[in-house]
C-alpha cells in the first residue's frame, strides 16, 4: 500500500525589486520533496504577467538551471504533489494558472475538499469548463468568479472559504498580492516566514530554513494572510474545533 496523502506548497513575495524568487522557491520545494514526488511546479509573477513551469518528476530533475533562469518575478509560488484528488498526470500538476476578466491568478493547494464533487457539478451545470480533474481547479474557478464581483482577492478568498469544506492549505498569487489561507480546522499545516523583509509561506518550517528565512508563526485555522508591497495583514474567518492530521506527525513532518 502506498500513502498519497499530502502535497507541499511554498510561496514568496519580495519587496524592493528582487526577481530571483524562483531559486528561493526551488530550495523550498526541495526541502518539501518528502510531501510529494510525482510532480512539481513553480509560477512566477512579473508585474502581473504570470509564467508557470511544471512537469512530472522530482524537483531536482524538473528544474534545471536553464529553466530557473527564465522564471523571473517578484512573487512566486511552488508545489510538490502526491495525487489525492485527480490522477497523476502533467495536466493535474500545480500551480494552476487561471485567466479571467480581472486578469490572472495562480494557486497552489494542499488538501482535499469533501464537497468537491457537489461544487464541481454545480459549476459545470452553470457552464464551467474544467481542464483537469483536481479539486484545486474548483477552488481556482471559484476564486476567479468571486473576484469578478468582490473588491479584492482576499475578499474573494473569504467568500470561497464559506463554501468549500475539508482540509486545505492554499496559496493564491494575484498580480500584486500573495494570499495564504488555512482550513477552519487547521488540518493542513501552513507557516509564515521572513526573509530579509520579504514574506515567505510554506507547508513546513524546513522549507523556511532551506532558503534562509526565519519562522514567524503558523497561519491560524480559518485565517487568510495577505502579503503585498506594504507588508502583511490578515482576515480571520470563523474557526472550528481544532483537528489534526496524524500523517503530519508520524509520516511526513520534519523538525
Protein backbone atom coordinates (compact mmCIF):
# COMPACT_ATOMS: atom_id res chain seq x y z
CA UNK A 1 0.00 0.00 0.00
CA UNK A 2 1.33 3.44 -0.90
CA UNK A 3 0.40 6.55 1.06
CA UNK A 4 -0.59 9.51 -1.09
CA UNK A 5 -1.98 11.96 1.41
CA UNK A 6 -0.01 15.18 1.20
CA UNK A 7 1.36 17.89 -1.04
CA UNK A 8 3.74 20.73 -0.29
CA UNK A 9 3.27 24.43 -1.02
CA UNK A 10 5.74 27.30 -0.96
CA UNK A 11 5.33 30.97 -1.76
CA UNK A 12 7.45 34.12 -1.59
CA UNK A 13 6.71 37.81 -2.12
CA UNK A 14 9.71 40.14 -2.32
CA UNK A 15 9.85 43.88 -1.87
CA UNK A 16 12.38 46.17 -3.46
CA UNK A 17 12.73 44.78 -6.96
CA UNK A 18 14.11 41.30 -6.15
CA UNK A 19 13.26 38.97 -9.04
CA UNK A 20 15.14 35.73 -8.29
CA UNK A 21 12.18 34.25 -6.45
CA UNK A 22 12.24 31.04 -8.49
CA UNK A 23 15.53 29.95 -6.88
CA UNK A 24 14.07 30.50 -3.39
CA UNK A 25 11.05 28.51 -4.46
CA UNK A 26 13.29 25.74 -5.79
CA UNK A 27 15.12 25.31 -2.48
CA UNK A 28 11.86 25.47 -0.55
CA UNK A 29 10.29 22.77 -2.71
CA UNK A 30 13.43 20.66 -2.50
CA UNK A 31 13.04 20.69 1.30
CA UNK A 32 9.38 19.72 0.90
CA UNK A 33 10.08 16.90 -1.56
CA UNK A 34 9.03 14.29 1.04
CA UNK A 35 5.48 15.64 0.77
CA UNK A 36 5.14 14.87 -2.93
CA UNK A 37 7.30 13.11 -5.51
CA UNK A 38 5.01 12.76 -8.53
CA UNK A 39 5.09 16.26 -9.99
CA UNK A 40 6.25 19.76 -9.18
CA UNK A 41 5.84 23.29 -10.48
CA UNK A 42 6.72 26.94 -9.97
CA UNK A 43 4.75 30.01 -11.11
CA UNK A 44 6.30 33.49 -11.04
CA UNK A 45 4.65 36.87 -11.26
CA UNK A 46 6.48 39.60 -13.17
CA UNK A 47 4.43 42.80 -12.82
CA UNK A 48 1.15 40.97 -13.40
CA UNK A 49 2.42 38.54 -16.03
CA UNK A 50 2.38 35.02 -14.58
CA UNK A 51 4.68 32.36 -16.06
CA UNK A 52 4.40 28.75 -14.93
CA UNK A 53 6.62 25.73 -15.46
CA UNK A 54 5.64 22.28 -14.18
CA UNK A 55 6.26 18.66 -15.04
CA UNK A 56 6.21 15.13 -13.72
CA UNK A 57 9.19 14.15 -11.59
CA UNK A 58 11.39 15.36 -8.76
CA UNK A 59 12.29 18.99 -8.11
CA UNK A 60 15.99 18.46 -8.84
CA UNK A 61 15.23 16.83 -12.19
CA UNK A 62 12.48 19.15 -13.43
CA UNK A 63 14.11 22.48 -12.54
CA UNK A 64 17.45 22.80 -14.25
CA UNK A 65 19.50 25.98 -14.14
CA UNK A 66 18.24 26.93 -17.62
CA UNK A 67 14.61 26.54 -16.58
CA UNK A 68 15.03 28.56 -13.39
CA UNK A 69 16.90 31.35 -15.20
CA UNK A 70 13.80 32.02 -17.31
CA UNK A 71 11.46 32.34 -14.32
CA UNK A 72 11.74 35.95 -13.17
CA UNK A 73 9.34 37.88 -10.97
CA UNK A 74 8.92 39.42 -7.53
CA UNK A 75 6.28 36.87 -6.43
CA UNK A 76 6.42 33.10 -6.82
CA UNK A 77 4.52 30.04 -5.66
CA UNK A 78 5.51 26.40 -5.92
CA UNK A 79 4.05 22.96 -5.38
CA UNK A 80 5.12 19.35 -4.97
CA UNK A 81 2.37 16.79 -5.44
CA UNK A 82 1.09 13.42 -4.42
CA UNK A 83 -2.17 12.72 -6.23
CA UNK A 84 -5.08 12.77 -3.79
CA UNK A 85 -7.97 14.01 -5.92
CA UNK A 86 -7.34 13.55 -9.65
CA UNK A 87 -4.98 11.24 -11.50
CA UNK A 88 -1.21 11.55 -11.69
CA UNK A 89 -0.76 13.43 -14.97
CA UNK A 90 1.06 16.57 -16.10
CA UNK A 91 -2.29 18.34 -16.60
CA UNK A 92 -3.05 17.88 -12.89
CA UNK A 93 0.31 19.24 -11.74
CA UNK A 94 0.31 22.55 -9.89
CA UNK A 95 0.40 25.52 -9.60
CA UNK A 96 -2.69 26.19 -11.67
CA UNK A 97 -2.94 29.42 -13.66
CA UNK A 98 -6.35 30.92 -14.41
CA UNK A 99 -7.02 33.79 -16.81
CA UNK A 100 -10.28 35.65 -16.18
CA UNK A 101 -11.94 39.02 -16.61
CA UNK A 102 -9.89 40.74 -13.86
CA UNK A 103 -6.54 39.38 -15.02
CA UNK A 104 -4.62 36.26 -13.97
CA UNK A 105 -4.30 34.30 -10.74
CA UNK A 106 -2.31 31.21 -9.81
CA UNK A 107 -2.97 28.82 -6.95
CA UNK A 108 -1.11 26.05 -5.14
CA UNK A 109 -3.16 23.80 -2.89
CA UNK A 110 -2.53 21.06 -0.34
CA UNK A 111 -5.56 19.15 0.90
CA UNK A 112 -8.88 17.64 -0.06
CA UNK A 113 -12.34 19.16 -0.41
CA UNK A 114 -15.01 16.86 0.97
CA UNK A 115 -17.69 18.63 -1.09
CA UNK A 116 -15.63 18.81 -4.28
CA UNK A 117 -17.95 16.67 -6.42
CA UNK A 118 -21.00 18.70 -5.44
CA UNK A 119 -19.26 22.01 -6.16
CA UNK A 120 -17.82 20.78 -9.44
CA UNK A 121 -21.18 19.53 -10.72
CA UNK A 122 -22.85 22.81 -9.80
CA UNK A 123 -20.18 24.79 -11.65
CA UNK A 124 -20.39 22.51 -14.69
CA UNK A 125 -24.17 22.89 -14.75
CA UNK A 126 -23.61 26.66 -14.83
CA UNK A 127 -21.29 26.39 -17.82
CA UNK A 128 -17.83 25.95 -16.30
CA UNK A 129 -15.31 24.00 -18.39
CA UNK A 130 -12.55 22.23 -16.47
CA UNK A 131 -9.15 21.32 -17.88
CA UNK A 132 -8.09 19.00 -15.02
CA UNK A 133 -9.64 16.51 -12.62
CA UNK A 134 -8.23 18.05 -9.41
CA UNK A 135 -10.22 19.82 -6.71
CA UNK A 136 -7.69 22.65 -6.86
CA UNK A 137 -9.21 23.79 -10.15
CA UNK A 138 -12.60 24.01 -8.48
CA UNK A 139 -11.08 26.39 -5.92
CA UNK A 140 -9.34 28.39 -8.66
CA UNK A 141 -12.55 28.77 -10.65
CA UNK A 142 -14.49 29.82 -7.55
CA UNK A 143 -11.86 32.39 -6.53
CA UNK A 144 -11.78 33.88 -10.04
CA UNK A 145 -15.56 34.10 -10.19
CA UNK A 146 -15.79 35.65 -6.72
CA UNK A 147 -13.05 38.16 -7.54
CA UNK A 148 -15.08 39.42 -10.51
CA UNK A 149 -17.61 40.83 -8.04
CA UNK A 150 -15.52 41.29 -4.87
CA UNK A 151 -13.36 44.37 -4.21
CA UNK A 152 -10.15 42.40 -3.51
CA UNK A 153 -8.59 38.97 -3.90
CA UNK A 154 -8.71 38.41 -0.13
CA UNK A 155 -12.43 39.23 -0.08
CA UNK A 156 -12.91 36.69 -2.87
CA UNK A 157 -10.98 34.13 -0.84
CA UNK A 158 -13.17 34.80 2.17
CA UNK A 159 -16.31 34.16 0.10
CA UNK A 160 -14.89 30.91 -1.27
CA UNK A 161 -13.93 29.67 2.20
CA UNK A 162 -17.59 29.92 3.20
CA UNK A 163 -18.45 27.34 0.51
CA UNK A 164 -15.61 24.83 0.47
CA UNK A 165 -15.36 22.07 3.07
CA UNK A 166 -12.46 19.87 4.11
CA UNK A 167 -8.81 20.34 4.99
CA UNK A 168 -6.57 22.63 2.96
CA UNK A 169 -3.59 24.94 2.89
CA UNK A 170 -3.92 27.34 -0.02
CA UNK A 171 -1.71 29.92 -1.72
CA UNK A 172 -3.21 32.38 -4.22
CA UNK A 173 -0.99 34.67 -6.28
CA UNK A 174 -2.60 37.72 -7.89
CA UNK A 175 -0.82 40.44 -9.89
CA UNK A 176 0.15 42.34 -6.71
CA UNK A 177 -0.53 40.08 -3.73
CA UNK A 178 0.26 36.69 -2.27
CA UNK A 179 -2.56 35.20 -0.21
CA UNK A 180 -2.28 32.27 2.20
CA UNK A 181 -5.34 30.54 3.67
CA UNK A 182 -5.80 27.60 6.03
CA UNK A 183 -8.89 25.48 6.65
CA UNK A 184 -11.04 26.26 9.72
CA UNK A 185 -9.92 23.05 11.48
CA UNK A 186 -6.21 23.63 10.97
CA UNK A 187 -5.87 20.17 9.45
CA UNK A 188 -3.20 21.16 6.94
CA UNK A 189 -0.06 22.98 8.09
CA UNK A 190 0.97 26.41 6.80
CA UNK A 191 3.65 28.68 8.26
CA UNK A 192 4.82 32.27 7.76
CA UNK A 193 8.46 33.28 7.50
CA UNK A 194 10.56 36.38 6.94
CA UNK A 195 13.50 36.54 4.52
CA UNK A 196 15.27 39.88 4.84
CA UNK A 197 11.98 41.78 4.94
CA UNK A 198 10.31 39.57 2.34
CA UNK A 199 7.38 37.28 3.14
CA UNK A 200 7.51 33.50 2.78
CA UNK A 201 4.74 30.92 3.21
CA UNK A 202 5.41 27.17 3.36
CA UNK A 203 3.84 23.88 4.38
CA UNK A 204 6.63 23.20 6.90
CA UNK A 205 9.36 25.17 8.63
CA UNK A 206 12.07 23.05 6.97
CA UNK A 207 11.28 24.93 3.74
CA UNK A 208 11.92 28.24 5.51
CA UNK A 209 15.30 27.07 6.73
CA UNK A 210 16.23 25.86 3.23
CA UNK A 211 16.12 29.41 1.86
CA UNK A 212 17.40 31.18 5.00
CA UNK A 213 14.04 32.53 6.15
CA UNK A 214 13.11 33.00 9.82
CA UNK A 215 9.95 31.38 11.18
CA UNK A 216 7.40 33.93 12.39
CA UNK A 217 4.28 31.93 13.20
CA UNK A 218 1.70 29.49 11.87
CA UNK A 219 -1.24 30.66 9.81
CA UNK A 220 -4.17 30.23 12.19
CA UNK A 221 -7.05 27.88 11.38
CA UNK A 222 -9.54 29.80 9.24
CA UNK A 223 -7.12 32.69 8.71
CA UNK A 224 -6.37 34.49 5.44
CA UNK A 225 -2.96 36.20 5.43
CA UNK A 226 -2.31 38.86 2.79
CA UNK A 227 1.22 39.82 1.74
CA UNK A 228 1.81 42.82 -0.53
CA UNK A 229 4.37 45.57 -1.02
CA UNK A 230 3.26 47.24 2.23
CA UNK A 231 3.71 44.21 4.48
CA UNK A 232 1.32 41.57 5.79
CA UNK A 233 -2.21 41.73 7.16
CA UNK A 234 -4.84 39.12 7.89
CA UNK A 235 -8.54 38.35 7.96
CA UNK A 236 -9.87 35.80 10.44
CA UNK A 237 -12.81 33.72 9.24
CA UNK A 238 -14.71 31.54 11.73
CA UNK A 239 -12.54 28.69 13.01
CA UNK A 240 -13.83 25.33 14.23
CA UNK A 241 -12.67 22.91 16.88
CA UNK A 242 -9.02 22.29 16.04
CA UNK A 243 -8.27 18.92 14.48
CA UNK A 244 -5.02 17.32 13.41
CA UNK A 245 -3.89 15.04 10.60
CA UNK A 246 -1.96 12.10 12.07
CA UNK A 247 0.16 11.80 8.92
CA UNK A 248 1.62 15.22 9.63
CA UNK A 249 3.07 13.97 12.92
CA UNK A 250 4.27 10.46 12.16
CA UNK A 251 4.81 10.18 8.41
CA UNK A 252 5.62 13.49 6.80
CA UNK A 253 6.72 16.10 9.31
CA UNK A 254 10.33 17.15 9.78
CA UNK A 255 11.75 19.36 12.55
